[in-house]
């Protein structure tokens, strides 16, 4: 019986690349679309720029352009699995700033437990969790990073 359980766990562990790849590709597509919409749709860019003005960011136009570009480029990088750790770090920073400056202001809880519940319900918190996971787990075998690592003989990048 123990042998069967060990075999099943080994088989499941061998398929670990599937959820890693799915999470990386899907969150990459999400950020790429979000950033692209902000970059290439004037109305969406203006909303982002107004948000920068409301939270009193210096140089709101340049900052909005930077944020949208990071989302677009790093989202594309994640989708492809290209410089995955760098892209994930950049997007994590973007999300932490978004949480601290805008999202946390939407929480109107009556006590600490309710506040924590509402905080953990924010989608940005989940994005940060997935991005941090990708920083530590790497892009997975089916990625540009994994392909390059296998070509140059690096081991441990492509799981």
C-alpha atoms as a PDB file:
ATOM      1  CA  UNK A   1       0.000   0.000   0.000  1.00  0.00           C
ATOM      2  CA  UNK A   2       2.819   2.409   0.852  1.00  0.00           C
ATOM      3  CA  UNK A   3       4.460   1.602  -2.482  1.00  0.00           C
ATOM      4  CA  UNK A   4       1.261   2.542  -4.328  1.00  0.00           C
ATOM      5  CA  UNK A   5       1.027   5.848  -2.447  1.00  0.00           C
ATOM      6  CA  UNK A   6       4.690   6.621  -3.146  1.00  0.00           C
ATOM      7  CA  UNK A   7       4.213   5.837  -6.834  1.00  0.00           C
ATOM      8  CA  UNK A   8       1.150   8.064  -7.012  1.00  0.00           C
ATOM      9  CA  UNK A   9       2.995  10.926  -5.300  1.00  0.00           C
ATOM     10  CA  UNK A  10       5.941  10.525  -7.671  1.00  0.00           C
ATOM     11  CA  UNK A  11       3.596  10.641 -10.650  1.00  0.00           C
ATOM     12  CA  UNK A  12       1.843  13.765  -9.336  1.00  0.00           C
ATOM     13  CA  UNK A  13       5.213  15.370  -8.610  1.00  0.00           C
ATOM     14  CA  UNK A  14       6.255  14.637 -12.193  1.00  0.00           C
ATOM     15  CA  UNK A  15       3.300  16.660 -13.427  1.00  0.00           C
ATOM     16  CA  UNK A  16       4.197  19.677 -11.293  1.00  0.00           C
ATOM     17  CA  UNK A  17       5.252  21.540 -14.433  1.00  0.00           C
ATOM     18  CA  UNK A  18       1.621  21.767 -15.563  1.00  0.00           C
ATOM     19  CA  UNK A  19       0.241  24.088 -12.852  1.00  0.00           C
ATOM     20  CA  UNK A  20       3.492  26.092 -12.763  1.00  0.00           C
ATOM     21  CA  UNK A  21       3.313  26.638 -16.511  1.00  0.00           C
ATOM     22  CA  UNK A  22      -0.413  27.399 -16.435  1.00  0.00           C
ATOM     23  CA  UNK A  23      -0.025  29.931 -13.618  1.00  0.00           C
ATOM     24  CA  UNK A  24       2.924  31.620 -15.321  1.00  0.00           C
ATOM     25  CA  UNK A  25       1.291  31.809 -18.747  1.00  0.00           C
ATOM     26  CA  UNK A  26      -2.126  32.909 -17.505  1.00  0.00           C
ATOM     27  CA  UNK A  27      -0.908  35.599 -15.123  1.00  0.00           C
ATOM     28  CA  UNK A  28       1.450  36.757 -17.877  1.00  0.00           C
ATOM     29  CA  UNK A  29      -1.412  37.038 -20.349  1.00  0.00           C
ATOM     30  CA  UNK A  30      -3.475  38.880 -17.739  1.00  0.00           C
ATOM     31  CA  UNK A  31      -0.776  41.487 -17.118  1.00  0.00           C
ATOM     32  CA  UNK A  32       0.096  41.795 -20.808  1.00  0.00           C
ATOM     33  CA  UNK A  33      -3.527  42.516 -21.707  1.00  0.00           C
ATOM     34  CA  UNK A  34      -3.978  44.866 -18.753  1.00  0.00           C
ATOM     35  CA  UNK A  35      -0.812  46.813 -19.536  1.00  0.00           C
ATOM     36  CA  UNK A  36      -1.499  46.795 -23.268  1.00  0.00           C
ATOM     37  CA  UNK A  37      -4.969  48.178 -22.739  1.00  0.00           C
ATOM     38  CA  UNK A  38      -3.545  50.972 -20.585  1.00  0.00           C
ATOM     39  CA  UNK A  39      -0.820  51.701 -23.140  1.00  0.00           C
ATOM     40  CA  UNK A  40      -2.839  51.555 -26.341  1.00  0.00           C
ATOM     41  CA  UNK A  41      -6.317  52.715 -25.277  1.00  0.00           C
ATOM     42  CA  UNK A  42      -6.279  56.416 -24.494  1.00  0.00           C
ATOM     43  CA  UNK A  43      -9.289  56.276 -22.155  1.00  0.00           C
ATOM     44  CA  UNK A  44      -7.712  53.510 -20.082  1.00  0.00           C
ATOM     45  CA  UNK A  45      -4.407  55.367 -19.934  1.00  0.00           C
ATOM     46  CA  UNK A  46      -6.218  58.488 -18.712  1.00  0.00           C
ATOM     47  CA  UNK A  47      -7.852  56.457 -15.912  1.00  0.00           C
ATOM     48  CA  UNK A  48      -4.434  55.214 -14.821  1.00  0.00           C
ATOM     49  CA  UNK A  49      -2.994  58.714 -15.067  1.00  0.00           C
ATOM     50  CA  UNK A  50      -5.871  60.114 -12.977  1.00  0.00           C
ATOM     51  CA  UNK A  51      -5.223  57.428 -10.379  1.00  0.00           C
ATOM     52  CA  UNK A  52      -1.588  58.565 -10.232  1.00  0.00           C
ATOM     53  CA  UNK A  53      -2.747  62.147  -9.734  1.00  0.00           C
ATOM     54  CA  UNK A  54      -5.211  61.147  -6.987  1.00  0.00           C
ATOM     55  CA  UNK A  55      -2.569  59.258  -5.024  1.00  0.00           C
ATOM     56  CA  UNK A  56      -0.173  62.201  -5.490  1.00  0.00           C
ATOM     57  CA  UNK A  57       2.553  60.363  -7.378  1.00  0.00           C
ATOM     58  CA  UNK A  58       5.256  62.653  -8.726  1.00  0.00           C
ATOM     59  CA  UNK A  59       5.276  62.873 -12.523  1.00  0.00           C
ATOM     60  CA  UNK A  60       1.889  61.128 -12.946  1.00  0.00           C
ATOM     61  CA  UNK A  61       2.081  60.910 -16.751  1.00  0.00           C
ATOM     62  CA  UNK A  62       5.554  59.349 -16.760  1.00  0.00           C
ATOM     63  CA  UNK A  63       4.659  57.061 -13.860  1.00  0.00           C
ATOM     64  CA  UNK A  64       1.484  55.877 -15.591  1.00  0.00           C
ATOM     65  CA  UNK A  65       3.495  55.207 -18.736  1.00  0.00           C
ATOM     66  CA  UNK A  66       6.092  53.279 -16.703  1.00  0.00           C
ATOM     67  CA  UNK A  67       3.479  51.189 -14.864  1.00  0.00           C
ATOM     68  CA  UNK A  68       1.587  50.320 -18.063  1.00  0.00           C
ATOM     69  CA  UNK A  69       4.839  49.430 -19.835  1.00  0.00           C
ATOM     70  CA  UNK A  70       5.976  47.211 -16.941  1.00  0.00           C
ATOM     71  CA  UNK A  71       2.640  45.395 -16.954  1.00  0.00           C
ATOM     72  CA  UNK A  72       2.704  44.936 -20.731  1.00  0.00           C
ATOM     73  CA  UNK A  73       6.365  43.935 -21.142  1.00  0.00           C
ATOM     74  CA  UNK A  74       6.685  41.863 -17.976  1.00  0.00           C
ATOM     75  CA  UNK A  75       3.339  40.202 -18.647  1.00  0.00           C
ATOM     76  CA  UNK A  76       4.622  39.195 -22.084  1.00  0.00           C
ATOM     77  CA  UNK A  77       7.850  38.013 -20.471  1.00  0.00           C
ATOM     78  CA  UNK A  78       5.955  35.818 -18.026  1.00  0.00           C
ATOM     79  CA  UNK A  79       3.703  34.410 -20.735  1.00  0.00           C
ATOM     80  CA  UNK A  80       6.777  33.370 -22.707  1.00  0.00           C
ATOM     81  CA  UNK A  81       8.836  32.423 -19.674  1.00  0.00           C
ATOM     82  CA  UNK A  82      11.504  34.967 -20.611  1.00  0.00           C
ATOM     83  CA  UNK A  83      13.530  36.471 -17.742  1.00  0.00           C
ATOM     84  CA  UNK A  84      10.796  35.157 -15.485  1.00  0.00           C
ATOM     85  CA  UNK A  85      12.288  36.112 -12.091  1.00  0.00           C
ATOM     86  CA  UNK A  86      12.944  39.706 -13.183  1.00  0.00           C
ATOM     87  CA  UNK A  87       9.440  40.053 -14.662  1.00  0.00           C
ATOM     88  CA  UNK A  88       7.851  38.560 -11.546  1.00  0.00           C
ATOM     89  CA  UNK A  89       9.845  40.899  -9.268  1.00  0.00           C
ATOM     90  CA  UNK A  90       8.836  43.961 -11.316  1.00  0.00           C
ATOM     91  CA  UNK A  91       5.165  42.987 -11.303  1.00  0.00           C
ATOM     92  CA  UNK A  92       5.298  42.171  -7.579  1.00  0.00           C
ATOM     93  CA  UNK A  93       6.559  45.678  -6.915  1.00  0.00           C
ATOM     94  CA  UNK A  94       3.787  47.088  -9.097  1.00  0.00           C
ATOM     95  CA  UNK A  95       1.154  45.123  -7.183  1.00  0.00           C
ATOM     96  CA  UNK A  96       2.541  46.024  -3.750  1.00  0.00           C
ATOM     97  CA  UNK A  97       2.405  49.710  -4.649  1.00  0.00           C
ATOM     98  CA  UNK A  98      -1.142  49.266  -6.022  1.00  0.00           C
ATOM     99  CA  UNK A  99      -2.223  47.542  -2.807  1.00  0.00           C
ATOM    100  CA  UNK A 100      -0.626  50.163  -0.574  1.00  0.00           C
ATOM    101  CA  UNK A 101      -1.875  53.207  -2.483  1.00  0.00           C
ATOM    102  CA  UNK A 102      -5.302  52.285  -3.830  1.00  0.00           C
ATOM    103  CA  UNK A 103      -6.656  48.822  -2.993  1.00  0.00           C
ATOM    104  CA  UNK A 104      -6.234  49.019   0.758  1.00  0.00           C
ATOM    105  CA  UNK A 105      -8.332  52.201   0.752  1.00  0.00           C
ATOM    106  CA  UNK A 106     -11.357  50.184  -0.380  1.00  0.00           C
ATOM    107  CA  UNK A 107     -11.392  48.212   2.865  1.00  0.00           C
ATOM    108  CA  UNK A 108     -13.948  49.474   5.370  1.00  0.00           C
ATOM    109  CA  UNK A 109     -13.940  46.820   8.068  1.00  0.00           C
ATOM    110  CA  UNK A 110     -15.213  47.114  11.609  1.00  0.00           C
ATOM    111  CA  UNK A 111     -12.515  44.984  13.241  1.00  0.00           C
ATOM    112  CA  UNK A 112      -9.076  43.511  12.581  1.00  0.00           C
ATOM    113  CA  UNK A 113     -10.317  40.072  11.560  1.00  0.00           C
ATOM    114  CA  UNK A 114     -12.775  41.516   9.063  1.00  0.00           C
ATOM    115  CA  UNK A 115     -10.039  43.833   7.742  1.00  0.00           C
ATOM    116  CA  UNK A 116      -7.702  40.871   7.238  1.00  0.00           C
ATOM    117  CA  UNK A 117     -10.480  38.942   5.511  1.00  0.00           C
ATOM    118  CA  UNK A 118     -11.173  41.852   3.156  1.00  0.00           C
ATOM    119  CA  UNK A 119      -7.442  42.367   2.556  1.00  0.00           C
ATOM    120  CA  UNK A 120      -6.888  38.728   1.613  1.00  0.00           C
ATOM    121  CA  UNK A 121      -9.902  38.940  -0.709  1.00  0.00           C
ATOM    122  CA  UNK A 122      -8.170  41.617  -2.824  1.00  0.00           C
ATOM    123  CA  UNK A 123      -7.129  40.129  -6.184  1.00  0.00           C
ATOM    124  CA  UNK A 124      -3.806  41.965  -6.023  1.00  0.00           C
ATOM    125  CA  UNK A 125      -2.849  39.935  -2.949  1.00  0.00           C
ATOM    126  CA  UNK A 126      -3.353  36.719  -4.911  1.00  0.00           C
ATOM    127  CA  UNK A 127      -1.328  38.127  -7.819  1.00  0.00           C
ATOM    128  CA  UNK A 128       1.545  38.868  -5.430  1.00  0.00           C
ATOM    129  CA  UNK A 129       1.362  35.346  -4.044  1.00  0.00           C
ATOM    130  CA  UNK A 130       1.508  33.799  -7.530  1.00  0.00           C
ATOM    131  CA  UNK A 131       4.329  36.114  -8.598  1.00  0.00           C
ATOM    132  CA  UNK A 132       6.394  35.342  -5.496  1.00  0.00           C
ATOM    133  CA  UNK A 133       5.814  31.634  -6.144  1.00  0.00           C
ATOM    134  CA  UNK A 134       7.153  32.106  -9.683  1.00  0.00           C
ATOM    135  CA  UNK A 135      10.201  33.985  -8.386  1.00  0.00           C
ATOM    136  CA  UNK A 136      11.109  30.977  -6.239  1.00  0.00           C
ATOM    137  CA  UNK A 137       9.877  28.116  -8.436  1.00  0.00           C
ATOM    138  CA  UNK A 138      11.190  29.457 -11.724  1.00  0.00           C
ATOM    139  CA  UNK A 139       9.461  29.463 -15.086  1.00  0.00           C
ATOM    140  CA  UNK A 140       9.236  25.720 -15.564  1.00  0.00           C
ATOM    141  CA  UNK A 141      10.563  23.535 -18.332  1.00  0.00           C
ATOM    142  CA  UNK A 142       8.293  24.887 -21.062  1.00  0.00           C
ATOM    143  CA  UNK A 143       9.637  28.421 -21.212  1.00  0.00           C
ATOM    144  CA  UNK A 144      12.210  30.444 -23.063  1.00  0.00           C
ATOM    145  CA  UNK A 145      14.286  30.500 -19.864  1.00  0.00           C
ATOM    146  CA  UNK A 146      14.101  26.702 -19.638  1.00  0.00           C
ATOM    147  CA  UNK A 147      15.036  26.312 -23.299  1.00  0.00           C
ATOM    148  CA  UNK A 148      18.052  28.597 -22.924  1.00  0.00           C
ATOM    149  CA  UNK A 149      19.114  26.866 -19.701  1.00  0.00           C
ATOM    150  CA  UNK A 150      18.994  23.443 -21.360  1.00  0.00           C
ATOM    151  CA  UNK A 151      21.007  24.745 -24.348  1.00  0.00           C
ATOM    152  CA  UNK A 152      23.789  26.228 -22.231  1.00  0.00           C
ATOM    153  CA  UNK A 153      23.870  23.320 -19.799  1.00  0.00           C
ATOM    154  CA  UNK A 154      22.368  24.961 -16.716  1.00  0.00           C
ATOM    155  CA  UNK A 155      20.477  22.560 -14.535  1.00  0.00           C
ATOM    156  CA  UNK A 156      17.720  23.323 -12.054  1.00  0.00           C
ATOM    157  CA  UNK A 157      15.961  25.964 -14.184  1.00  0.00           C
ATOM    158  CA  UNK A 158      13.939  23.539 -16.294  1.00  0.00           C
ATOM    159  CA  UNK A 159      11.882  21.303 -14.019  1.00  0.00           C
END
